[in-house]
């Protein structure tokens, strides 16, 4: 179970969570947005299929619209990765 630490909004203490498998960068950003309580406002309903996928904001738009600033993460204490 990978342990993720995610820094955003220039906070000192990261958001920490574990997952069953490796997370994509999109899943990491969605986890942060859920933690912030803004995920439902910013992400299109995926249950609608292909049409929703075309309208879904890009990862960069989600970060910008969520006011997350610079999003960085580590996976199991690995090297720091930046999401842009």
PDB file of N, CA and C in Angstrom:
ATOM      1  N   UNK A   1       0.841  -1.180   0.000  1.00  0.00           N
ATOM      2  CA  UNK A   1       0.000   0.000   0.000  1.00  0.00           C
ATOM      3  C   UNK A   1       0.886   1.244   0.000  1.00  0.00           C
ATOM      4  N   UNK A   2       0.963   1.929  -1.120  1.00  0.00           N
ATOM      5  CA  UNK A   2       1.780   3.139  -1.179  1.00  0.00           C
ATOM      6  C   UNK A   2       1.258   4.222  -0.234  1.00  0.00           C
ATOM      7  N   UNK A   3       2.179   4.935   0.388  1.00  0.00           N
ATOM      8  CA  UNK A   3       1.847   6.080   1.232  1.00  0.00           C
ATOM      9  C   UNK A   3       2.200   7.340   0.461  1.00  0.00           C
ATOM     10  N   UNK A   4       1.224   8.214   0.303  1.00  0.00           N
ATOM     11  CA  UNK A   4       1.427   9.468  -0.407  1.00  0.00           C
ATOM     12  C   UNK A   4       1.439  10.622   0.581  1.00  0.00           C
ATOM     13  N   UNK A   5       2.333  11.571   0.340  1.00  0.00           N
ATOM     14  CA  UNK A   5       2.350  12.843   1.045  1.00  0.00           C
ATOM     15  C   UNK A   5       2.248  13.908  -0.029  1.00  0.00           C
ATOM     16  N   UNK A   6       1.254  14.793   0.111  1.00  0.00           N
ATOM     17  CA  UNK A   6       0.983  15.784  -0.929  1.00  0.00           C
ATOM     18  C   UNK A   6       1.008  17.182  -0.311  1.00  0.00           C
ATOM     19  N   UNK A   7       1.840  18.048  -0.888  1.00  0.00           N
ATOM     20  CA  UNK A   7       1.923  19.440  -0.461  1.00  0.00           C
ATOM     21  C   UNK A   7       1.227  20.298  -1.502  1.00  0.00           C
ATOM     22  N   UNK A   8       0.446  21.253  -1.052  1.00  0.00           N
ATOM     23  CA  UNK A   8      -0.256  22.184  -1.933  1.00  0.00           C
ATOM     24  C   UNK A   8      -0.557  23.443  -1.145  1.00  0.00           C
ATOM     25  N   UNK A   9      -0.888  24.516  -1.807  1.00  0.00           N
ATOM     26  CA  UNK A   9      -1.160  25.813  -1.182  1.00  0.00           C
ATOM     27  C   UNK A   9      -0.021  26.247  -0.263  1.00  0.00           C
ATOM     28  N   UNK A  10       1.183  25.776  -0.540  1.00  0.00           N
ATOM     29  CA  UNK A  10       2.364  26.124   0.261  1.00  0.00           C
ATOM     30  C   UNK A  10       2.181  25.853   1.753  1.00  0.00           C
ATOM     31  N   UNK A  11       1.431  24.796   2.094  1.00  0.00           N
ATOM     32  CA  UNK A  11       1.249  24.426   3.498  1.00  0.00           C
ATOM     33  C   UNK A  11       2.482  23.659   3.986  1.00  0.00           C
ATOM     34  N   UNK A  12       2.752  23.752   5.293  1.00  0.00           N
ATOM     35  CA  UNK A  12       3.902  23.059   5.858  1.00  0.00           C
ATOM     36  C   UNK A  12       3.658  21.564   6.019  1.00  0.00           C
ATOM     37  N   UNK A  13       2.465  21.197   6.463  1.00  0.00           N
ATOM     38  CA  UNK A  13       2.134  19.793   6.707  1.00  0.00           C
ATOM     39  C   UNK A  13       1.409  19.211   5.497  1.00  0.00           C
ATOM     40  N   UNK A  14       1.911  18.111   4.949  1.00  0.00           N
ATOM     41  CA  UNK A  14       1.279  17.531   3.750  1.00  0.00           C
ATOM     42  C   UNK A  14       0.005  16.755   4.092  1.00  0.00           C
ATOM     43  N   UNK A  15      -0.836  16.608   3.100  1.00  0.00           N
ATOM     44  CA  UNK A  15      -1.962  15.681   3.168  1.00  0.00           C
ATOM     45  C   UNK A  15      -1.354  14.292   2.985  1.00  0.00           C
ATOM     46  N   UNK A  16      -1.678  13.357   3.872  1.00  0.00           N
ATOM     47  CA  UNK A  16      -1.149  12.001   3.768  1.00  0.00           C
ATOM     48  C   UNK A  16      -2.287  11.023   3.566  1.00  0.00           C
ATOM     49  N   UNK A  17      -2.086  10.084   2.665  1.00  0.00           N
ATOM     50  CA  UNK A  17      -3.066   9.021   2.464  1.00  0.00           C
ATOM     51  C   UNK A  17      -2.390   7.806   1.865  1.00  0.00           C
ATOM     52  N   UNK A  18      -2.991   6.664   2.074  1.00  0.00           N
ATOM     53  CA  UNK A  18      -2.521   5.401   1.487  1.00  0.00           C
ATOM     54  C   UNK A  18      -3.539   4.938   0.474  1.00  0.00           C
ATOM     55  N   UNK A  19      -3.093   4.144  -0.473  1.00  0.00           N
ATOM     56  CA  UNK A  19      -4.001   3.579  -1.457  1.00  0.00           C
ATOM     57  C   UNK A  19      -3.645   2.113  -1.667  1.00  0.00           C
ATOM     58  N   UNK A  20      -4.573   1.391  -2.230  1.00  0.00           N
ATOM     59  CA  UNK A  20      -4.345  -0.032  -2.490  1.00  0.00           C
ATOM     60  C   UNK A  20      -3.254  -0.213  -3.541  1.00  0.00           C
ATOM     61  N   UNK A  21      -3.251   0.643  -4.546  1.00  0.00           N
ATOM     62  CA  UNK A  21      -2.259   0.594  -5.616  1.00  0.00           C
ATOM     63  C   UNK A  21      -1.706   1.977  -5.871  1.00  0.00           C
ATOM     64  N   UNK A  22      -0.892   2.094  -6.906  1.00  0.00           N
ATOM     65  CA  UNK A  22      -0.325   3.396  -7.266  1.00  0.00           C
ATOM     66  C   UNK A  22      -1.417   4.307  -7.803  1.00  0.00           C
ATOM     67  N   UNK A  23      -1.333   5.571  -7.456  1.00  0.00           N
ATOM     68  CA  UNK A  23      -2.301   6.574  -7.917  1.00  0.00           C
ATOM     69  C   UNK A  23      -1.726   7.351  -9.095  1.00  0.00           C
ATOM     70  N   UNK A  24      -2.602   7.720 -10.002  1.00  0.00           N
ATOM     71  CA  UNK A  24      -2.195   8.618 -11.086  1.00  0.00           C
ATOM     72  C   UNK A  24      -2.150  10.038 -10.516  1.00  0.00           C
ATOM     73  N   UNK A  25      -1.545  10.950 -11.254  1.00  0.00           N
ATOM     74  CA  UNK A  25      -1.508  12.341 -10.807  1.00  0.00           C
ATOM     75  C   UNK A  25      -2.922  12.908 -10.703  1.00  0.00           C
ATOM     76  N   UNK A  26      -3.796  12.514 -11.613  1.00  0.00           N
ATOM     77  CA  UNK A  26      -5.185  12.977 -11.548  1.00  0.00           C
ATOM     78  C   UNK A  26      -5.853  12.490 -10.263  1.00  0.00           C
ATOM     79  N   UNK A  27      -5.627  11.244  -9.892  1.00  0.00           N
ATOM     80  CA  UNK A  27      -6.212  10.707  -8.662  1.00  0.00           C
ATOM     81  C   UNK A  27      -5.676  11.442  -7.433  1.00  0.00           C
ATOM     82  N   UNK A  28      -4.404  11.817  -7.461  1.00  0.00           N
ATOM     83  CA  UNK A  28      -3.820  12.559  -6.343  1.00  0.00           C
ATOM     84  C   UNK A  28      -4.490  13.924  -6.219  1.00  0.00           C
ATOM     85  N   UNK A  29      -4.652  14.630  -7.343  1.00  0.00           N
ATOM     86  CA  UNK A  29      -5.305  15.942  -7.317  1.00  0.00           C
ATOM     87  C   UNK A  29      -6.754  15.803  -6.854  1.00  0.00           C
ATOM     88  N   UNK A  30      -7.457  14.783  -7.318  1.00  0.00           N
ATOM     89  CA  UNK A  30      -8.837  14.580  -6.881  1.00  0.00           C
ATOM     90  C   UNK A  30      -8.914  14.300  -5.388  1.00  0.00           C
ATOM     91  N   UNK A  31      -7.929  13.595  -4.842  1.00  0.00           N
ATOM     92  CA  UNK A  31      -7.888  13.331  -3.410  1.00  0.00           C
ATOM     93  C   UNK A  31      -7.734  14.647  -2.637  1.00  0.00           C
ATOM     94  N   UNK A  32      -6.873  15.529  -3.123  1.00  0.00           N
ATOM     95  CA  UNK A  32      -6.686  16.833  -2.490  1.00  0.00           C
ATOM     96  C   UNK A  32      -7.979  17.638  -2.562  1.00  0.00           C
ATOM     97  N   UNK A  33      -8.615  17.645  -3.731  1.00  0.00           N
ATOM     98  CA  UNK A  33      -9.865  18.393  -3.887  1.00  0.00           C
ATOM     99  C   UNK A  33     -10.954  17.839  -2.976  1.00  0.00           C
ATOM    100  N   UNK A  34     -11.010  16.525  -2.808  1.00  0.00           N
ATOM    101  CA  UNK A  34     -11.969  15.932  -1.876  1.00  0.00           C
ATOM    102  C   UNK A  34     -11.670  16.388  -0.458  1.00  0.00           C
ATOM    103  N   UNK A  35     -10.402  16.395  -0.095  1.00  0.00           N
ATOM    104  CA  UNK A  35      -9.992  16.833   1.241  1.00  0.00           C
ATOM    105  C   UNK A  35     -10.397  18.294   1.475  1.00  0.00           C
ATOM    106  N   UNK A  36     -10.274  19.107   0.442  1.00  0.00           N
ATOM    107  CA  UNK A  36     -10.640  20.524   0.514  1.00  0.00           C
ATOM    108  C   UNK A  36     -12.147  20.746   0.405  1.00  0.00           C
ATOM    109  N   UNK A  37     -12.882  19.713   0.026  1.00  0.00           N
ATOM    110  CA  UNK A  37     -14.332  19.832  -0.104  1.00  0.00           C
ATOM    111  C   UNK A  37     -14.790  20.500  -1.381  1.00  0.00           C
ATOM    112  N   UNK A  38     -13.934  20.527  -2.396  1.00  0.00           N
ATOM    113  CA  UNK A  38     -14.287  21.199  -3.659  1.00  0.00           C
ATOM    114  C   UNK A  38     -14.364  20.253  -4.839  1.00  0.00           C
ATOM    115  N   UNK A  39     -14.162  18.968  -4.646  1.00  0.00           N
ATOM    116  CA  UNK A  39     -14.110  18.025  -5.765  1.00  0.00           C
ATOM    117  C   UNK A  39     -15.402  18.014  -6.558  1.00  0.00           C
ATOM    118  N   UNK A  40     -16.542  17.964  -5.896  1.00  0.00           N
ATOM    119  CA  UNK A  40     -17.820  17.875  -6.612  1.00  0.00           C
ATOM    120  C   UNK A  40     -18.110  19.126  -7.413  1.00  0.00           C
ATOM    121  N   UNK A  41     -17.616  20.258  -6.968  1.00  0.00           N
ATOM    122  CA  UNK A  41     -17.847  21.510  -7.684  1.00  0.00           C
ATOM    123  C   UNK A  41     -17.003  21.607  -8.949  1.00  0.00           C
ATOM    124  N   UNK A  42     -15.834  20.970  -8.943  1.00  0.00           N
ATOM    125  CA  UNK A  42     -14.874  21.175 -10.034  1.00  0.00           C
ATOM    126  C   UNK A  42     -14.775  20.044 -11.041  1.00  0.00           C
ATOM    127  N   UNK A  43     -15.299  18.876 -10.721  1.00  0.00           N
ATOM    128  CA  UNK A  43     -15.122  17.712 -11.578  1.00  0.00           C
ATOM    129  C   UNK A  43     -16.458  17.319 -12.195  1.00  0.00           C
ATOM    130  N   UNK A  44     -16.465  17.114 -13.521  1.00  0.00           N
ATOM    131  CA  UNK A  44     -17.692  16.706 -14.210  1.00  0.00           C
ATOM    132  C   UNK A  44     -18.110  15.310 -13.765  1.00  0.00           C
ATOM    133  N   UNK A  45     -19.384  15.013 -13.859  1.00  0.00           N
ATOM    134  CA  UNK A  45     -19.927  13.707 -13.484  1.00  0.00           C
ATOM    135  C   UNK A  45     -19.445  12.665 -14.483  1.00  0.00           C
ATOM    136  N   UNK A  46     -18.601  11.748 -14.026  1.00  0.00           N
ATOM    137  CA  UNK A  46     -18.014  10.748 -14.932  1.00  0.00           C
ATOM    138  C   UNK A  46     -19.022   9.693 -15.352  1.00  0.00           C
ATOM    139  N   UNK A  47     -20.131   9.587 -14.660  1.00  0.00           N
ATOM    140  CA  UNK A  47     -21.122   8.562 -14.990  1.00  0.00           C
ATOM    141  C   UNK A  47     -21.810   8.838 -16.318  1.00  0.00           C
ATOM    142  N   UNK A  48     -21.641  10.028 -16.864  1.00  0.00           N
ATOM    143  CA  UNK A  48     -22.297  10.368 -18.125  1.00  0.00           C
ATOM    144  C   UNK A  48     -21.537   9.869 -19.341  1.00  0.00           C
ATOM    145  N   UNK A  49     -20.369   9.297 -19.157  1.00  0.00           N
ATOM    146  CA  UNK A  49     -19.654   8.695 -20.283  1.00  0.00           C
ATOM    147  C   UNK A  49     -18.801   9.655 -21.074  1.00  0.00           C
ATOM    148  N   UNK A  50     -18.694   9.396 -22.392  1.00  0.00           N
ATOM    149  CA  UNK A  50     -17.774  10.132 -23.256  1.00  0.00           C
ATOM    150  C   UNK A  50     -18.035  11.628 -23.281  1.00  0.00           C
ATOM    151  N   UNK A  51     -19.282  12.038 -23.280  1.00  0.00           N
ATOM    152  CA  UNK A  51     -19.600  13.468 -23.315  1.00  0.00           C
ATOM    153  C   UNK A  51     -19.001  14.171 -22.103  1.00  0.00           C
ATOM    154  N   UNK A  52     -19.092  13.570 -20.935  1.00  0.00           N
ATOM    155  CA  UNK A  52     -18.518  14.170 -19.729  1.00  0.00           C
ATOM    156  C   UNK A  52     -17.001  14.251 -19.838  1.00  0.00           C
ATOM    157  N   UNK A  53     -16.376  13.240 -20.446  1.00  0.00           N
ATOM    158  CA  UNK A  53     -14.926  13.254 -20.598  1.00  0.00           C
ATOM    159  C   UNK A  53     -14.474  14.439 -21.446  1.00  0.00           C
ATOM    160  N   UNK A  54     -15.233  14.776 -22.481  1.00  0.00           N
ATOM    161  CA  UNK A  54     -14.870  15.908 -23.331  1.00  0.00           C
ATOM    162  C   UNK A  54     -15.004  17.226 -22.582  1.00  0.00           C
ATOM    163  N   UNK A  55     -15.916  17.298 -21.624  1.00  0.00           N
ATOM    164  CA  UNK A  55     -16.165  18.534 -20.904  1.00  0.00           C
ATOM    165  C   UNK A  55     -15.368  18.630 -19.607  1.00  0.00           C
ATOM    166  N   UNK A  56     -14.751  17.537 -19.196  1.00  0.00           N
ATOM    167  CA  UNK A  56     -14.025  17.519 -17.927  1.00  0.00           C
ATOM    168  C   UNK A  56     -12.807  18.436 -18.024  1.00  0.00           C
ATOM    169  N   UNK A  57     -12.583  19.243 -16.997  1.00  0.00           N
ATOM    170  CA  UNK A  57     -11.420  20.136 -17.028  1.00  0.00           C
ATOM    171  C   UNK A  57     -10.114  19.353 -17.023  1.00  0.00           C
ATOM    172  N   UNK A  58      -9.077  19.966 -17.578  1.00  0.00           N
ATOM    173  CA  UNK A  58      -7.754  19.337 -17.567  1.00  0.00           C
ATOM    174  C   UNK A  58      -7.208  19.340 -16.143  1.00  0.00           C
ATOM    175  N   UNK A  59      -6.148  18.598 -15.929  1.00  0.00           N
ATOM    176  CA  UNK A  59      -5.515  18.544 -14.621  1.00  0.00           C
ATOM    177  C   UNK A  59      -5.019  19.929 -14.194  1.00  0.00           C
ATOM    178  N   UNK A  60      -4.406  20.656 -15.114  1.00  0.00           N
ATOM    179  CA  UNK A  60      -3.932  22.012 -14.813  1.00  0.00           C
ATOM    180  C   UNK A  60      -5.097  22.926 -14.445  1.00  0.00           C
ATOM    181  N   UNK A  61      -6.237  22.784 -15.128  1.00  0.00           N
ATOM    182  CA  UNK A  61      -7.415  23.596 -14.805  1.00  0.00           C
ATOM    183  C   UNK A  61      -7.965  23.246 -13.431  1.00  0.00           C
ATOM    184  N   UNK A  62      -7.979  21.961 -13.085  1.00  0.00           N
ATOM    185  CA  UNK A  62      -8.447  21.553 -11.757  1.00  0.00           C
ATOM    186  C   UNK A  62      -7.583  22.176 -10.660  1.00  0.00           C
ATOM    187  N   UNK A  63      -6.270  22.150 -10.861  1.00  0.00           N
ATOM    188  CA  UNK A  63      -5.352  22.729  -9.886  1.00  0.00           C
ATOM    189  C   UNK A  63      -5.584  24.227  -9.768  1.00  0.00           C
ATOM    190  N   UNK A  64      -5.684  24.897 -10.905  1.00  0.00           N
ATOM    191  CA  UNK A  64      -5.884  26.352 -10.902  1.00  0.00           C
ATOM    192  C   UNK A  64      -7.237  26.716 -10.297  1.00  0.00           C
ATOM    193  N   UNK A  65      -8.302  26.081 -10.764  1.00  0.00           N
ATOM    194  CA  UNK A  65      -9.640  26.407 -10.281  1.00  0.00           C
ATOM    195  C   UNK A  65      -9.836  26.033  -8.816  1.00  0.00           C
ATOM    196  N   UNK A  66      -9.086  25.042  -8.349  1.00  0.00           N
ATOM    197  CA  UNK A  66      -9.173  24.645  -6.947  1.00  0.00           C
ATOM    198  C   UNK A  66      -8.301  25.491  -6.039  1.00  0.00           C
ATOM    199  N   UNK A  67      -7.524  26.403  -6.627  1.00  0.00           N
ATOM    200  CA  UNK A  67      -6.662  27.276  -5.842  1.00  0.00           C
ATOM    201  C   UNK A  67      -5.580  26.510  -5.092  1.00  0.00           C
ATOM    202  N   UNK A  68      -5.082  25.422  -5.695  1.00  0.00           N
ATOM    203  CA  UNK A  68      -4.128  24.560  -4.998  1.00  0.00           C
ATOM    204  C   UNK A  68      -2.685  25.037  -5.094  1.00  0.00           C
ATOM    205  N   UNK A  69      -2.420  25.974  -5.978  1.00  0.00           N
ATOM    206  CA  UNK A  69      -1.043  26.440  -6.125  1.00  0.00           C
ATOM    207  C   UNK A  69      -0.156  25.339  -6.668  1.00  0.00           C
ATOM    208  N   UNK A  70       1.054  25.286  -6.175  1.00  0.00           N
ATOM    209  CA  UNK A  70       2.002  24.252  -6.583  1.00  0.00           C
ATOM    210  C   UNK A  70       1.657  22.953  -5.863  1.00  0.00           C
ATOM    211  N   UNK A  71       1.432  21.871  -6.624  1.00  0.00           N
ATOM    212  CA  UNK A  71       1.105  20.566  -6.041  1.00  0.00           C
ATOM    213  C   UNK A  71       2.311  19.651  -6.231  1.00  0.00           C
ATOM    214  N   UNK A  72       2.822  19.164  -5.096  1.00  0.00           N
ATOM    215  CA  UNK A  72       3.979  18.278  -5.109  1.00  0.00           C
ATOM    216  C   UNK A  72       3.654  17.071  -4.241  1.00  0.00           C
ATOM    217  N   UNK A  73       4.265  15.926  -4.565  1.00  0.00           N
ATOM    218  CA  UNK A  73       3.977  14.726  -3.777  1.00  0.00           C
ATOM    219  C   UNK A  73       5.172  13.781  -3.742  1.00  0.00           C
ATOM    220  N   UNK A  74       5.157  12.930  -2.723  1.00  0.00           N
ATOM    221  CA  UNK A  74       6.091  11.812  -2.656  1.00  0.00           C
ATOM    222  C   UNK A  74       5.267  10.540  -2.524  1.00  0.00           C
ATOM    223  N   UNK A  75       5.822   9.466  -3.018  1.00  0.00           N
ATOM    224  CA  UNK A  75       5.204   8.141  -2.891  1.00  0.00           C
ATOM    225  C   UNK A  75       6.191   7.270  -2.132  1.00  0.00           C
ATOM    226  N   UNK A  76       5.790   6.818  -0.948  1.00  0.00           N
ATOM    227  CA  UNK A  76       6.662   5.994  -0.102  1.00  0.00           C
ATOM    228  C   UNK A  76       8.034   6.638   0.093  1.00  0.00           C
ATOM    229  N   UNK A  77       8.033   7.914   0.429  1.00  0.00           N
ATOM    230  CA  UNK A  77       9.280   8.645   0.719  1.00  0.00           C
ATOM    231  C   UNK A  77      10.225   8.723  -0.479  1.00  0.00           C
ATOM    232  N   UNK A  78       9.668   8.627  -1.691  1.00  0.00           N
ATOM    233  CA  UNK A  78      10.492   8.724  -2.894  1.00  0.00           C
ATOM    234  C   UNK A  78      10.855  10.185  -3.143  1.00  0.00           C
ATOM    235  N   UNK A  79      11.501  10.404  -4.269  1.00  0.00           N
ATOM    236  CA  UNK A  79      11.860  11.757  -4.694  1.00  0.00           C
ATOM    237  C   UNK A  79      10.593  12.579  -4.891  1.00  0.00           C
ATOM    238  N   UNK A  80      10.660  13.877  -4.612  1.00  0.00           N
ATOM    239  CA  UNK A  80       9.537  14.793  -4.764  1.00  0.00           C
ATOM    240  C   UNK A  80       9.166  14.913  -6.250  1.00  0.00           C
ATOM    241  N   UNK A  81       7.875  14.833  -6.547  1.00  0.00           N
ATOM    242  CA  UNK A  81       7.346  14.989  -7.898  1.00  0.00           C
ATOM    243  C   UNK A  81       6.426  16.193  -7.913  1.00  0.00           C
ATOM    244  N   UNK A  82       6.457  16.959  -8.985  1.00  0.00           N
ATOM    245  CA  UNK A  82       5.574  18.102  -9.147  1.00  0.00           C
ATOM    246  C   UNK A  82       4.500  17.772 -10.172  1.00  0.00           C
ATOM    247  N   UNK A  83       3.281  18.211  -9.873  1.00  0.00           N
ATOM    248  CA  UNK A  83       2.164  18.029 -10.816  1.00  0.00           C
ATOM    249  C   UNK A  83       1.897  19.397 -11.438  1.00  0.00           C
ATOM    250  N   UNK A  84       1.892  19.458 -12.760  1.00  0.00           N
ATOM    251  CA  UNK A  84       1.643  20.754 -13.412  1.00  0.00           C
ATOM    252  C   UNK A  84       0.410  20.703 -14.272  1.00  0.00           C
TER     253      UNK A  84
END
